[in-house]
C-alpha cells in the first residue's frame, strides 16, 4: 500500500502521519506538504528516519508538479489534509484559500483519477464542521445538515467537499469525507486559541477574547481525530460522510477560565493570576455562534469514540507545551522554518 498524506507536516496531519507510520509498517507513507507557516517538520522528528516514510515538499495547487508526482508514484490511496485553515486569514486573503482548498483539491482528484488504480484504495477528504454554518442553542450537525458556510474559509472547504462528491458520482471515484469539530492538542501552531493562550499566559501577555466570549465550540482531541481518520480510511463505506466530534461543548470564556486555572496550578501561580490577562476585543466578522457535532454514525458503524474528557485532554495539552519549550520557541520565532534545509537539503 502506497499512501499519500497531504498536509502531513501540519498540526493534524503530523499526528496522522505518525500514527500510520508506526501502526502500518507495511505501508509506504509519502508525506506531501508545502511547508507554509503552519507546516513544521520538527513535528515529525520521531519518524523522519523510518524505513516506510518519505517527505516530499510541494504545493497541491501546482498542477504540473502534482501530475508528475502521481504519475511517478502510482499511489493506492490519498488522505487529504492539506488546507489553509485559519478563519481570520481567510477574511484577509480569501484567494489564498480558493487556490489551496478548492483548486488544490481538484488537482489531486484529477491526478488520482488519471494515474492511480481506483480499485486498490480511496480518496479520503478531511473537512470541517464550519461548512454547516452555525447552530442556535439546540441541536447538532449531522451528516445530512445542509451546507451554509459563513466565512471564506468555510466556503472554500464546502466547495472542495462538493467537488469530491461530484467526482465520486461523475467518475465513480472511491471516496470518503469527514467533517470534524475544533481540534486541540500538541504541535498546534500558536495562532489558534489554546496554544496561543498557553503561550500568552506563560509570558504574561494579554488573552484576546472575541466579543463577550460566548461563542460555543465542540472540542476534539487531535489524537482521537487521528484514530477516527484511521478507522474511516480503512473501514468506512465509499461515498459516505462521517462527522467527528469530541462531545465537548464549551463556551469560549468558560474554556478560557478552565485553561487559566490549570495554567495557574501548573505554573505554581496564585489562583486567578492568569484570568487577569483576559482582554475583550471586537468580535470577528461572520463569527458563527455555535458548532456541535453528532458523531453517532461514526460511533455506531465503526466503533470509534472519544478517549478523554476535555479537562483531561486540556491538561495533557498544556503539559506538552510546557515540556516542549524549544518547539514553541522555534515556532514563535520562525526558526522552525530552517529545519527543512538542515534536514533535507544541506545534509
C-alpha atoms as a PDB file:
ATOM      1  CA  UNK A   1       0.000   0.000   0.000  1.00  0.00           C
ATOM      2  CA  UNK A   2       1.492   3.322  -1.112  1.00  0.00           C
ATOM      3  CA  UNK A   3      -0.386   6.068   0.712  1.00  0.00           C
ATOM      4  CA  UNK A   4      -0.119   9.822   0.102  1.00  0.00           C
ATOM      5  CA  UNK A   5      -0.903  12.076   3.065  1.00  0.00           C
ATOM      6  CA  UNK A   6      -1.163  15.743   2.091  1.00  0.00           C
ATOM      7  CA  UNK A   7      -0.545  18.402   4.714  1.00  0.00           C
ATOM      8  CA  UNK A   8       1.261  15.854   6.847  1.00  0.00           C
ATOM      9  CA  UNK A   9       3.616  18.383   8.444  1.00  0.00           C
ATOM     10  CA  UNK A  10       0.745  20.423   9.868  1.00  0.00           C
ATOM     11  CA  UNK A  11      -0.973  20.101  13.214  1.00  0.00           C
ATOM     12  CA  UNK A  12      -3.495  17.342  12.482  1.00  0.00           C
ATOM     13  CA  UNK A  13      -1.510  15.854   9.612  1.00  0.00           C
ATOM     14  CA  UNK A  14       1.592  15.200  11.695  1.00  0.00           C
ATOM     15  CA  UNK A  15      -0.458  13.173  14.177  1.00  0.00           C
ATOM     16  CA  UNK A  16      -1.977  11.159  11.325  1.00  0.00           C
ATOM     17  CA  UNK A  17       1.436  10.551   9.727  1.00  0.00           C
ATOM     18  CA  UNK A  18       2.951   9.336  12.999  1.00  0.00           C
ATOM     19  CA  UNK A  19       0.011   7.017  13.646  1.00  0.00           C
ATOM     20  CA  UNK A  20       0.128   5.450  10.168  1.00  0.00           C
ATOM     21  CA  UNK A  21       3.941   5.153  10.038  1.00  0.00           C
ATOM     22  CA  UNK A  22       4.053   3.404  13.414  1.00  0.00           C
ATOM     23  CA  UNK A  23       0.895   1.304  13.081  1.00  0.00           C
ATOM     24  CA  UNK A  24       1.320   0.139   9.467  1.00  0.00           C
ATOM     25  CA  UNK A  25       4.989  -0.755   8.835  1.00  0.00           C
ATOM     26  CA  UNK A  26       3.977  -2.484   5.608  1.00  0.00           C
ATOM     27  CA  UNK A  27       2.639   0.764   4.139  1.00  0.00           C
ATOM     28  CA  UNK A  28       4.811   3.204   2.213  1.00  0.00           C
ATOM     29  CA  UNK A  29       3.799   6.623   3.587  1.00  0.00           C
ATOM     30  CA  UNK A  30       4.578   9.690   1.473  1.00  0.00           C
ATOM     31  CA  UNK A  31       4.035  13.000   3.248  1.00  0.00           C
ATOM     32  CA  UNK A  32       3.402  15.920   0.867  1.00  0.00           C
ATOM     33  CA  UNK A  33       3.499  19.397   2.373  1.00  0.00           C
ATOM     34  CA  UNK A  34       4.160  22.895   1.051  1.00  0.00           C
ATOM     35  CA  UNK A  35       5.685  23.894   4.407  1.00  0.00           C
ATOM     36  CA  UNK A  36       3.825  27.152   4.803  1.00  0.00           C
ATOM     37  CA  UNK A  37       3.926  28.914   8.174  1.00  0.00           C
ATOM     38  CA  UNK A  38       1.875  26.075   9.723  1.00  0.00           C
ATOM     39  CA  UNK A  39       3.853  23.166   8.253  1.00  0.00           C
ATOM     40  CA  UNK A  40       6.610  22.141  10.632  1.00  0.00           C
ATOM     41  CA  UNK A  41       8.891  19.159  10.014  1.00  0.00           C
ATOM     42  CA  UNK A  42      10.036  19.358  13.619  1.00  0.00           C
ATOM     43  CA  UNK A  43       6.626  17.787  14.324  1.00  0.00           C
ATOM     44  CA  UNK A  44       7.894  14.573  12.707  1.00  0.00           C
ATOM     45  CA  UNK A  45      11.396  14.147  14.093  1.00  0.00           C
ATOM     46  CA  UNK A  46      10.488  10.799  15.638  1.00  0.00           C
ATOM     47  CA  UNK A  47       9.516   9.198  12.283  1.00  0.00           C
ATOM     48  CA  UNK A  48      11.641  11.044   9.709  1.00  0.00           C
ATOM     49  CA  UNK A  49      14.144   8.167   9.503  1.00  0.00           C
ATOM     50  CA  UNK A  50      11.537   5.378   9.432  1.00  0.00           C
ATOM     51  CA  UNK A  51      12.017   2.957   6.534  1.00  0.00           C
ATOM     52  CA  UNK A  52       8.365   3.274   5.441  1.00  0.00           C
ATOM     53  CA  UNK A  53       8.277   7.097   5.408  1.00  0.00           C
ATOM     54  CA  UNK A  54       9.257   9.771   2.885  1.00  0.00           C
ATOM     55  CA  UNK A  55       8.740  13.517   2.827  1.00  0.00           C
ATOM     56  CA  UNK A  56       8.082  15.438  -0.394  1.00  0.00           C
ATOM     57  CA  UNK A  57       7.924  19.227  -0.462  1.00  0.00           C
ATOM     58  CA  UNK A  58       5.350  20.568  -2.908  1.00  0.00           C
ATOM     59  CA  UNK A  59       2.221  22.609  -3.488  1.00  0.00           C
ATOM     60  CA  UNK A  60      -1.081  20.901  -4.303  1.00  0.00           C
ATOM     61  CA  UNK A  61      -2.111  23.948  -6.360  1.00  0.00           C
ATOM     62  CA  UNK A  62       0.848  23.327  -8.718  1.00  0.00           C
ATOM     63  CA  UNK A  63      -0.857  21.209 -11.383  1.00  0.00           C
ATOM     64  CA  UNK A  64       2.283  20.149 -13.239  1.00  0.00           C
ATOM     65  CA  UNK A  65       4.020  19.099 -10.023  1.00  0.00           C
ATOM     66  CA  UNK A  66       1.010  17.090  -8.832  1.00  0.00           C
ATOM     67  CA  UNK A  67       0.595  15.274 -12.153  1.00  0.00           C
ATOM     68  CA  UNK A  68       4.268  14.303 -12.268  1.00  0.00           C
ATOM     69  CA  UNK A  69       4.190  13.104  -8.668  1.00  0.00           C
ATOM     70  CA  UNK A  70       1.102  10.929  -9.180  1.00  0.00           C
ATOM     71  CA  UNK A  71       2.355   9.564 -12.500  1.00  0.00           C
ATOM     72  CA  UNK A  72       5.624   8.544 -10.871  1.00  0.00           C
ATOM     73  CA  UNK A  73       4.316   7.155  -7.583  1.00  0.00           C
ATOM     74  CA  UNK A  74       1.020   5.476  -8.590  1.00  0.00           C
ATOM     75  CA  UNK A  75      -0.481   5.887  -5.124  1.00  0.00           C
ATOM     76  CA  UNK A  76      -3.050   3.401  -3.865  1.00  0.00           C
ATOM     77  CA  UNK A  77      -4.764   5.924  -1.631  1.00  0.00           C
ATOM     78  CA  UNK A  78      -4.827   9.561  -0.598  1.00  0.00           C
ATOM     79  CA  UNK A  79      -5.586  11.113   2.790  1.00  0.00           C
ATOM     80  CA  UNK A  80      -6.073  14.794   2.009  1.00  0.00           C
ATOM     81  CA  UNK A  81      -5.430  17.164   4.912  1.00  0.00           C
ATOM     82  CA  UNK A  82      -3.601  19.994   3.128  1.00  0.00           C
ATOM     83  CA  UNK A  83      -5.558  23.221   3.539  1.00  0.00           C
ATOM     84  CA  UNK A  84      -5.456  26.827   4.536  1.00  0.00           C
ATOM     85  CA  UNK A  85      -7.443  26.661   7.740  1.00  0.00           C
ATOM     86  CA  UNK A  86      -7.384  29.853   9.785  1.00  0.00           C
ATOM     87  CA  UNK A  87     -10.619  31.827   9.535  1.00  0.00           C
ATOM     88  CA  UNK A  88      -9.042  35.200  10.299  1.00  0.00           C
ATOM     89  CA  UNK A  89      -6.516  34.746   7.495  1.00  0.00           C
ATOM     90  CA  UNK A  90      -9.331  33.809   5.091  1.00  0.00           C
ATOM     91  CA  UNK A  91     -11.073  37.102   5.792  1.00  0.00           C
ATOM     92  CA  UNK A  92      -7.884  38.982   4.912  1.00  0.00           C
ATOM     93  CA  UNK A  93      -6.778  36.866   1.926  1.00  0.00           C
ATOM     94  CA  UNK A  94      -9.683  34.758   0.589  1.00  0.00           C
ATOM     95  CA  UNK A  95      -7.991  33.970  -2.754  1.00  0.00           C
ATOM     96  CA  UNK A  96      -5.257  32.028  -0.952  1.00  0.00           C
ATOM     97  CA  UNK A  97      -7.977  29.744   0.372  1.00  0.00           C
ATOM     98  CA  UNK A  98      -9.574  29.280  -3.043  1.00  0.00           C
ATOM     99  CA  UNK A  99      -6.181  28.428  -4.537  1.00  0.00           C
ATOM    100  CA  UNK A 100      -5.253  25.767  -1.983  1.00  0.00           C
ATOM    101  CA  UNK A 101      -8.561  24.411  -0.718  1.00  0.00           C
ATOM    102  CA  UNK A 102     -10.524  24.367  -3.992  1.00  0.00           C
ATOM    103  CA  UNK A 103      -8.082  24.281  -6.897  1.00  0.00           C
ATOM    104  CA  UNK A 104      -5.577  22.172  -4.956  1.00  0.00           C
ATOM    105  CA  UNK A 105      -8.235  19.600  -4.127  1.00  0.00           C
ATOM    106  CA  UNK A 106      -9.402  19.402  -7.755  1.00  0.00           C
ATOM    107  CA  UNK A 107      -5.789  18.923  -8.871  1.00  0.00           C
ATOM    108  CA  UNK A 108      -5.473  15.976  -6.517  1.00  0.00           C
ATOM    109  CA  UNK A 109      -8.774  14.481  -7.671  1.00  0.00           C
ATOM    110  CA  UNK A 110      -7.779  14.716 -11.336  1.00  0.00           C
ATOM    111  CA  UNK A 111      -4.368  13.203 -10.703  1.00  0.00           C
ATOM    112  CA  UNK A 112      -5.806  10.389  -8.596  1.00  0.00           C
ATOM    113  CA  UNK A 113      -8.345   9.621 -11.312  1.00  0.00           C
ATOM    114  CA  UNK A 114      -5.735   9.685 -14.075  1.00  0.00           C
ATOM    115  CA  UNK A 115      -2.783   7.850 -12.560  1.00  0.00           C
ATOM    116  CA  UNK A 116      -3.964   5.591  -9.734  1.00  0.00           C
ATOM    117  CA  UNK A 117      -5.638   2.197  -9.602  1.00  0.00           C
ATOM    118  CA  UNK A 118      -9.050   3.105  -8.190  1.00  0.00           C
ATOM    119  CA  UNK A 119      -9.725  -0.486  -7.159  1.00  0.00           C
ATOM    120  CA  UNK A 120      -6.986  -0.620  -4.504  1.00  0.00           C
ATOM    121  CA  UNK A 121      -7.604   2.437  -2.340  1.00  0.00           C
ATOM    122  CA  UNK A 122      -9.677   5.539  -1.864  1.00  0.00           C
ATOM    123  CA  UNK A 123      -9.554   9.323  -1.733  1.00  0.00           C
ATOM    124  CA  UNK A 124     -10.212  10.480   1.823  1.00  0.00           C
ATOM    125  CA  UNK A 125     -11.026  14.175   2.131  1.00  0.00           C
ATOM    126  CA  UNK A 126     -10.830  15.744   5.601  1.00  0.00           C
ATOM    127  CA  UNK A 127     -13.149  18.722   6.063  1.00  0.00           C
ATOM    128  CA  UNK A 128     -14.628  20.844   8.847  1.00  0.00           C
ATOM    129  CA  UNK A 129     -17.879  21.375  10.702  1.00  0.00           C
ATOM    130  CA  UNK A 130     -17.776  25.030   9.645  1.00  0.00           C
ATOM    131  CA  UNK A 131     -19.259  24.130   6.254  1.00  0.00           C
ATOM    132  CA  UNK A 132     -22.609  23.669   8.027  1.00  0.00           C
ATOM    133  CA  UNK A 133     -22.767  27.275   9.249  1.00  0.00           C
ATOM    134  CA  UNK A 134     -23.900  27.893  12.797  1.00  0.00           C
ATOM    135  CA  UNK A 135     -26.373  26.436  15.268  1.00  0.00           C
ATOM    136  CA  UNK A 136     -28.766  28.007  17.719  1.00  0.00           C
ATOM    137  CA  UNK A 137     -28.947  26.915  21.333  1.00  0.00           C
ATOM    138  CA  UNK A 138     -30.164  23.399  20.469  1.00  0.00           C
ATOM    139  CA  UNK A 139     -29.294  20.575  18.104  1.00  0.00           C
ATOM    140  CA  UNK A 140     -26.129  19.254  16.475  1.00  0.00           C
ATOM    141  CA  UNK A 141     -24.724  18.969  12.986  1.00  0.00           C
ATOM    142  CA  UNK A 142     -25.381  15.623  11.325  1.00  0.00           C
ATOM    143  CA  UNK A 143     -24.136  14.271   8.030  1.00  0.00           C
ATOM    144  CA  UNK A 144     -27.389  15.442   6.391  1.00  0.00           C
ATOM    145  CA  UNK A 145     -27.275  19.029   7.698  1.00  0.00           C
ATOM    146  CA  UNK A 146     -27.490  21.463   4.741  1.00  0.00           C
ATOM    147  CA  UNK A 147     -24.348  23.432   3.968  1.00  0.00           C
ATOM    148  CA  UNK A 148     -24.341  27.111   4.934  1.00  0.00           C
ATOM    149  CA  UNK A 149     -20.739  28.396   5.101  1.00  0.00           C
ATOM    150  CA  UNK A 150     -20.298  31.852   6.572  1.00  0.00           C
ATOM    151  CA  UNK A 151     -16.601  32.647   6.066  1.00  0.00           C
ATOM    152  CA  UNK A 152     -14.262  32.477   3.068  1.00  0.00           C
ATOM    153  CA  UNK A 153     -12.514  29.564   4.804  1.00  0.00           C
ATOM    154  CA  UNK A 154     -15.679  27.524   5.277  1.00  0.00           C
ATOM    155  CA  UNK A 155     -16.889  28.414   1.779  1.00  0.00           C
ATOM    156  CA  UNK A 156     -13.646  27.078   0.298  1.00  0.00           C
ATOM    157  CA  UNK A 157     -13.937  23.860   2.284  1.00  0.00           C
ATOM    158  CA  UNK A 158     -17.597  23.445   1.328  1.00  0.00           C
ATOM    159  CA  UNK A 159     -16.635  23.836  -2.331  1.00  0.00           C
ATOM    160  CA  UNK A 160     -13.918  21.192  -2.037  1.00  0.00           C
ATOM    161  CA  UNK A 161     -16.379  18.810  -0.342  1.00  0.00           C
ATOM    162  CA  UNK A 162     -18.784  19.232  -3.259  1.00  0.00           C
ATOM    163  CA  UNK A 163     -16.030  18.556  -5.801  1.00  0.00           C
ATOM    164  CA  UNK A 164     -15.073  15.320  -4.054  1.00  0.00           C
ATOM    165  CA  UNK A 165     -18.673  14.111  -4.076  1.00  0.00           C
ATOM    166  CA  UNK A 166     -19.103  15.191  -7.708  1.00  0.00           C
ATOM    167  CA  UNK A 167     -16.048  13.146  -8.744  1.00  0.00           C
ATOM    168  CA  UNK A 168     -17.497  10.168  -6.912  1.00  0.00           C
ATOM    169  CA  UNK A 169     -20.752  10.475  -8.834  1.00  0.00           C
ATOM    170  CA  UNK A 170     -19.349  11.505 -12.218  1.00  0.00           C
ATOM    171  CA  UNK A 171     -16.219   9.350 -12.412  1.00  0.00           C
ATOM    172  CA  UNK A 172     -17.027   6.606  -9.876  1.00  0.00           C
ATOM    173  CA  UNK A 173     -14.025   7.699  -7.851  1.00  0.00           C
ATOM    174  CA  UNK A 174     -13.968   5.922  -4.456  1.00  0.00           C
ATOM    175  CA  UNK A 175     -14.028   8.482  -1.651  1.00  0.00           C
ATOM    176  CA  UNK A 176     -14.942   9.180   1.948  1.00  0.00           C
ATOM    177  CA  UNK A 177     -15.316  12.560   3.641  1.00  0.00           C
ATOM    178  CA  UNK A 178     -15.190  13.504   7.297  1.00  0.00           C
ATOM    179  CA  UNK A 179     -16.180  16.768   8.935  1.00  0.00           C
ATOM    180  CA  UNK A 180     -14.611  17.419  12.312  1.00  0.00           C
ATOM    181  CA  UNK A 181     -15.049  19.874  15.155  1.00  0.00           C
ATOM    182  CA  UNK A 182     -12.331  22.112  16.622  1.00  0.00           C
ATOM    183  CA  UNK A 183      -9.118  20.169  17.232  1.00  0.00           C
ATOM    184  CA  UNK A 184      -6.720  20.782  20.097  1.00  0.00           C
ATOM    185  CA  UNK A 185      -3.564  19.065  21.315  1.00  0.00           C
ATOM    186  CA  UNK A 186       0.194  19.039  20.857  1.00  0.00           C
ATOM    187  CA  UNK A 187       2.076  20.543  17.884  1.00  0.00           C
ATOM    188  CA  UNK A 188      -0.589  23.142  17.019  1.00  0.00           C
ATOM    189  CA  UNK A 189       0.615  26.425  15.522  1.00  0.00           C
ATOM    190  CA  UNK A 190       0.099  29.151  18.159  1.00  0.00           C
ATOM    191  CA  UNK A 191      -2.343  31.261  16.173  1.00  0.00           C
ATOM    192  CA  UNK A 192      -5.160  29.016  17.412  1.00  0.00           C
ATOM    193  CA  UNK A 193      -6.908  29.745  20.685  1.00  0.00           C
ATOM    194  CA  UNK A 194      -5.494  27.109  23.047  1.00  0.00           C
ATOM    195  CA  UNK A 195      -1.769  27.184  22.147  1.00  0.00           C
ATOM    196  CA  UNK A 196      -1.907  30.985  21.757  1.00  0.00           C
ATOM    197  CA  UNK A 197      -3.359  31.400  25.235  1.00  0.00           C
ATOM    198  CA  UNK A 198      -0.944  28.885  26.764  1.00  0.00           C
ATOM    199  CA  UNK A 199       1.943  30.872  25.301  1.00  0.00           C
ATOM    200  CA  UNK A 200       0.464  34.223  26.349  1.00  0.00           C
ATOM    201  CA  UNK A 201      -0.239  33.062  29.893  1.00  0.00           C
ATOM    202  CA  UNK A 202       3.277  31.696  30.189  1.00  0.00           C
ATOM    203  CA  UNK A 203       4.746  35.012  29.006  1.00  0.00           C
ATOM    204  CA  UNK A 204       2.140  37.150  30.847  1.00  0.00           C
ATOM    205  CA  UNK A 205       0.691  38.679  27.676  1.00  0.00           C
ATOM    206  CA  UNK A 206      -2.996  39.655  27.143  1.00  0.00           C
ATOM    207  CA  UNK A 207      -5.548  36.956  26.292  1.00  0.00           C
ATOM    208  CA  UNK A 208      -7.667  38.448  23.449  1.00  0.00           C
ATOM    209  CA  UNK A 209     -11.266  37.212  23.656  1.00  0.00           C
ATOM    210  CA  UNK A 210     -13.651  37.936  20.775  1.00  0.00           C
ATOM    211  CA  UNK A 211     -16.850  39.729  21.790  1.00  0.00           C
ATOM    212  CA  UNK A 212     -18.075  38.500  25.166  1.00  0.00           C
ATOM    213  CA  UNK A 213     -16.565  35.039  24.744  1.00  0.00           C
ATOM    214  CA  UNK A 214     -19.995  33.424  24.479  1.00  0.00           C
ATOM    215  CA  UNK A 215     -19.432  31.546  21.205  1.00  0.00           C
ATOM    216  CA  UNK A 216     -19.673  27.792  21.682  1.00  0.00           C
ATOM    217  CA  UNK A 217     -17.444  25.135  20.139  1.00  0.00           C
ATOM    218  CA  UNK A 218     -17.186  21.347  20.315  1.00  0.00           C
ATOM    219  CA  UNK A 219     -13.556  20.391  21.019  1.00  0.00           C
ATOM    220  CA  UNK A 220     -11.878  17.230  19.704  1.00  0.00           C
ATOM    221  CA  UNK A 221      -8.528  15.961  20.993  1.00  0.00           C
ATOM    222  CA  UNK A 222      -6.257  15.622  17.959  1.00  0.00           C
ATOM    223  CA  UNK A 223      -5.131  12.098  18.894  1.00  0.00           C
ATOM    224  CA  UNK A 224      -8.777  10.994  18.884  1.00  0.00           C
ATOM    225  CA  UNK A 225      -9.200  12.644  15.480  1.00  0.00           C
ATOM    226  CA  UNK A 226      -6.203  10.715  14.115  1.00  0.00           C
ATOM    227  CA  UNK A 227      -7.727   7.452  15.384  1.00  0.00           C
ATOM    228  CA  UNK A 228     -11.007   8.349  13.674  1.00  0.00           C
ATOM    229  CA  UNK A 229      -9.208   9.029  10.387  1.00  0.00           C
ATOM    230  CA  UNK A 230      -7.561   5.615  10.670  1.00  0.00           C
ATOM    231  CA  UNK A 231     -10.838   3.729  11.110  1.00  0.00           C
ATOM    232  CA  UNK A 232     -12.680   5.756   8.470  1.00  0.00           C
ATOM    233  CA  UNK A 233      -9.951   5.261   5.870  1.00  0.00           C
ATOM    234  CA  UNK A 234      -9.820   1.515   6.444  1.00  0.00           C
ATOM    235  CA  UNK A 235     -13.409   0.661   7.346  1.00  0.00           C
ATOM    236  CA  UNK A 236     -15.699   3.474   6.204  1.00  0.00           C
ATOM    237  CA  UNK A 237     -18.070   2.959   3.303  1.00  0.00           C
ATOM    238  CA  UNK A 238     -17.233   4.532  -0.044  1.00  0.00           C
ATOM    239  CA  UNK A 239     -19.333   7.575  -0.843  1.00  0.00           C
ATOM    240  CA  UNK A 240     -20.151   8.241   2.801  1.00  0.00           C
ATOM    241  CA  UNK A 241     -19.565  11.199   5.099  1.00  0.00           C
ATOM    242  CA  UNK A 242     -18.678  10.794   8.787  1.00  0.00           C
ATOM    243  CA  UNK A 243     -18.869  13.563  11.372  1.00  0.00           C
ATOM    244  CA  UNK A 244     -16.168  13.523  14.074  1.00  0.00           C
ATOM    245  CA  UNK A 245     -16.809  15.421  17.309  1.00  0.00           C
ATOM    246  CA  UNK A 246     -15.445  15.331  20.825  1.00  0.00           C
ATOM    247  CA  UNK A 247     -18.805  15.599  22.634  1.00  0.00           C
ATOM    248  CA  UNK A 248     -17.183  18.553  24.426  1.00  0.00           C
ATOM    249  CA  UNK A 249     -19.191  21.747  24.025  1.00  0.00           C
ATOM    250  CA  UNK A 250     -17.689  24.769  25.745  1.00  0.00           C
ATOM    251  CA  UNK A 251     -18.331  28.485  25.710  1.00  0.00           C
ATOM    252  CA  UNK A 252     -15.078  30.165  24.772  1.00  0.00           C
ATOM    253  CA  UNK A 253     -14.976  32.132  28.020  1.00  0.00           C
ATOM    254  CA  UNK A 254     -15.599  29.006  30.132  1.00  0.00           C
ATOM    255  CA  UNK A 255     -12.803  27.196  28.285  1.00  0.00           C
ATOM    256  CA  UNK A 256     -10.500  30.157  28.922  1.00  0.00           C
ATOM    257  CA  UNK A 257     -11.321  30.166  32.644  1.00  0.00           C
ATOM    258  CA  UNK A 258     -10.522  26.432  32.804  1.00  0.00           C
ATOM    259  CA  UNK A 259      -7.300  26.966  30.886  1.00  0.00           C
ATOM    260  CA  UNK A 260      -6.296  29.819  33.201  1.00  0.00           C
ATOM    261  CA  UNK A 261      -6.996  27.701  36.264  1.00  0.00           C
ATOM    262  CA  UNK A 262      -4.979  24.735  35.009  1.00  0.00           C
ATOM    263  CA  UNK A 263      -2.115  27.013  33.952  1.00  0.00           C
ATOM    264  CA  UNK A 264      -2.010  28.699  37.361  1.00  0.00           C
ATOM    265  CA  UNK A 265      -1.753  25.278  39.007  1.00  0.00           C
ATOM    266  CA  UNK A 266       0.945  24.003  36.652  1.00  0.00           C
ATOM    267  CA  UNK A 267       2.994  27.232  36.881  1.00  0.00           C
ATOM    268  CA  UNK A 268       2.544  27.444  40.656  1.00  0.00           C
ATOM    269  CA  UNK A 269       0.895  30.835  40.398  1.00  0.00           C
ATOM    270  CA  UNK A 270      -1.882  32.019  42.741  1.00  0.00           C
ATOM    271  CA  UNK A 271      -5.367  31.053  41.523  1.00  0.00           C
ATOM    272  CA  UNK A 272      -6.828  33.868  39.426  1.00  0.00           C
ATOM    273  CA  UNK A 273      -3.495  35.232  38.249  1.00  0.00           C
ATOM    274  CA  UNK A 274      -3.957  34.250  34.606  1.00  0.00           C
ATOM    275  CA  UNK A 275      -7.576  35.444  34.462  1.00  0.00           C
ATOM    276  CA  UNK A 276      -6.314  38.989  34.964  1.00  0.00           C
ATOM    277  CA  UNK A 277      -4.812  38.754  31.454  1.00  0.00           C
ATOM    278  CA  UNK A 278      -8.232  38.343  29.778  1.00  0.00           C
ATOM    279  CA  UNK A 279      -8.880  41.216  27.350  1.00  0.00           C
ATOM    280  CA  UNK A 280     -12.126  41.520  25.372  1.00  0.00           C
ATOM    281  CA  UNK A 281     -11.693  42.619  21.742  1.00  0.00           C
ATOM    282  CA  UNK A 282     -14.024  43.410  18.840  1.00  0.00           C
ATOM    283  CA  UNK A 283     -15.787  40.303  17.557  1.00  0.00           C
ATOM    284  CA  UNK A 284     -14.622  38.679  14.342  1.00  0.00           C
ATOM    285  CA  UNK A 285     -16.643  39.313  11.159  1.00  0.00           C
ATOM    286  CA  UNK A 286     -19.048  36.456  10.401  1.00  0.00           C
ATOM    287  CA  UNK A 287     -18.272  34.763  13.710  1.00  0.00           C
ATOM    288  CA  UNK A 288     -20.553  31.710  13.959  1.00  0.00           C
ATOM    289  CA  UNK A 289     -22.284  31.413  17.337  1.00  0.00           C
ATOM    290  CA  UNK A 290     -22.248  27.682  17.968  1.00  0.00           C
ATOM    291  CA  UNK A 291     -20.941  24.443  16.447  1.00  0.00           C
ATOM    292  CA  UNK A 292     -21.730  20.974  17.759  1.00  0.00           C
ATOM    293  CA  UNK A 293     -21.112  17.639  16.039  1.00  0.00           C
ATOM    294  CA  UNK A 294     -23.226  14.488  16.206  1.00  0.00           C
ATOM    295  CA  UNK A 295     -20.766  11.576  15.886  1.00  0.00           C
ATOM    296  CA  UNK A 296     -23.338   8.819  16.390  1.00  0.00           C
ATOM    297  CA  UNK A 297     -22.945   7.462  12.825  1.00  0.00           C
ATOM    298  CA  UNK A 298     -19.188   7.050  13.252  1.00  0.00           C
ATOM    299  CA  UNK A 299     -19.611   5.500  16.677  1.00  0.00           C
ATOM    300  CA  UNK A 300     -22.362   3.085  15.610  1.00  0.00           C
ATOM    301  CA  UNK A 301     -20.830   1.964  12.301  1.00  0.00           C
ATOM    302  CA  UNK A 302     -17.118   1.940  13.101  1.00  0.00           C
ATOM    303  CA  UNK A 303     -16.913   1.707  16.885  1.00  0.00           C
ATOM    304  CA  UNK A 304     -14.967   4.929  17.430  1.00  0.00           C
ATOM    305  CA  UNK A 305     -15.466   7.141  20.450  1.00  0.00           C
ATOM    306  CA  UNK A 306     -13.505   9.936  22.187  1.00  0.00           C
ATOM    307  CA  UNK A 307     -10.947   8.622  24.661  1.00  0.00           C
ATOM    308  CA  UNK A 308     -10.605  11.632  27.001  1.00  0.00           C
ATOM    309  CA  UNK A 309     -12.722  14.303  28.618  1.00  0.00           C
ATOM    310  CA  UNK A 310     -11.909  17.869  27.712  1.00  0.00           C
ATOM    311  CA  UNK A 311     -10.420  18.508  31.158  1.00  0.00           C
ATOM    312  CA  UNK A 312      -8.061  15.533  30.698  1.00  0.00           C
ATOM    313  CA  UNK A 313      -7.144  16.420  27.128  1.00  0.00           C
ATOM    314  CA  UNK A 314      -6.532  20.058  28.005  1.00  0.00           C
ATOM    315  CA  UNK A 315      -4.250  19.058  30.879  1.00  0.00           C
ATOM    316  CA  UNK A 316      -2.250  16.757  28.579  1.00  0.00           C
ATOM    317  CA  UNK A 317      -2.042  19.546  26.007  1.00  0.00           C
ATOM    318  CA  UNK A 318      -0.765  22.128  28.485  1.00  0.00           C
ATOM    319  CA  UNK A 319       1.812  19.653  29.794  1.00  0.00           C
ATOM    320  CA  UNK A 320       3.133  19.069  26.271  1.00  0.00           C
ATOM    321  CA  UNK A 321       3.610  22.788  25.558  1.00  0.00           C
ATOM    322  CA  UNK A 322       5.265  23.387  28.917  1.00  0.00           C
ATOM    323  CA  UNK A 323       7.580  20.407  28.405  1.00  0.00           C
ATOM    324  CA  UNK A 324       8.474  21.370  24.815  1.00  0.00           C
ATOM    325  CA  UNK A 325       9.704  24.924  25.243  1.00  0.00           C
ATOM    326  CA  UNK A 326      12.195  24.580  22.371  1.00  0.00           C
ATOM    327  CA  UNK A 327       9.432  23.623  19.911  1.00  0.00           C
ATOM    328  CA  UNK A 328       7.297  26.593  20.931  1.00  0.00           C
ATOM    329  CA  UNK A 329      10.277  28.959  20.876  1.00  0.00           C
ATOM    330  CA  UNK A 330      11.144  27.828  17.337  1.00  0.00           C
ATOM    331  CA  UNK A 331       7.570  28.305  16.139  1.00  0.00           C
ATOM    332  CA  UNK A 332       7.066  31.726  17.687  1.00  0.00           C
ATOM    333  CA  UNK A 333      10.453  32.943  16.420  1.00  0.00           C
ATOM    334  CA  UNK A 334      10.144  31.415  12.946  1.00  0.00           C
ATOM    335  CA  UNK A 335      13.328  29.369  13.465  1.00  0.00           C
ATOM    336  CA  UNK A 336      11.442  26.122  12.765  1.00  0.00           C
ATOM    337  CA  UNK A 337      11.359  27.092   9.077  1.00  0.00           C
ATOM    338  CA  UNK A 338      15.098  26.388   8.845  1.00  0.00           C
ATOM    339  CA  UNK A 339      14.607  22.735   9.722  1.00  0.00           C
ATOM    340  CA  UNK A 340      13.790  21.633   6.171  1.00  0.00           C
ATOM    341  CA  UNK A 341      17.097  22.943   4.851  1.00  0.00           C
ATOM    342  CA  UNK A 342      19.034  21.444   7.725  1.00  0.00           C
ATOM    343  CA  UNK A 343      17.417  18.012   7.493  1.00  0.00           C
ATOM    344  CA  UNK A 344      16.671  17.558   3.789  1.00  0.00           C
ATOM    345  CA  UNK A 345      18.727  19.996   1.707  1.00  0.00           C
ATOM    346  CA  UNK A 346      22.019  20.715   3.409  1.00  0.00           C
ATOM    347  CA  UNK A 347      22.949  17.302   4.718  1.00  0.00           C
END
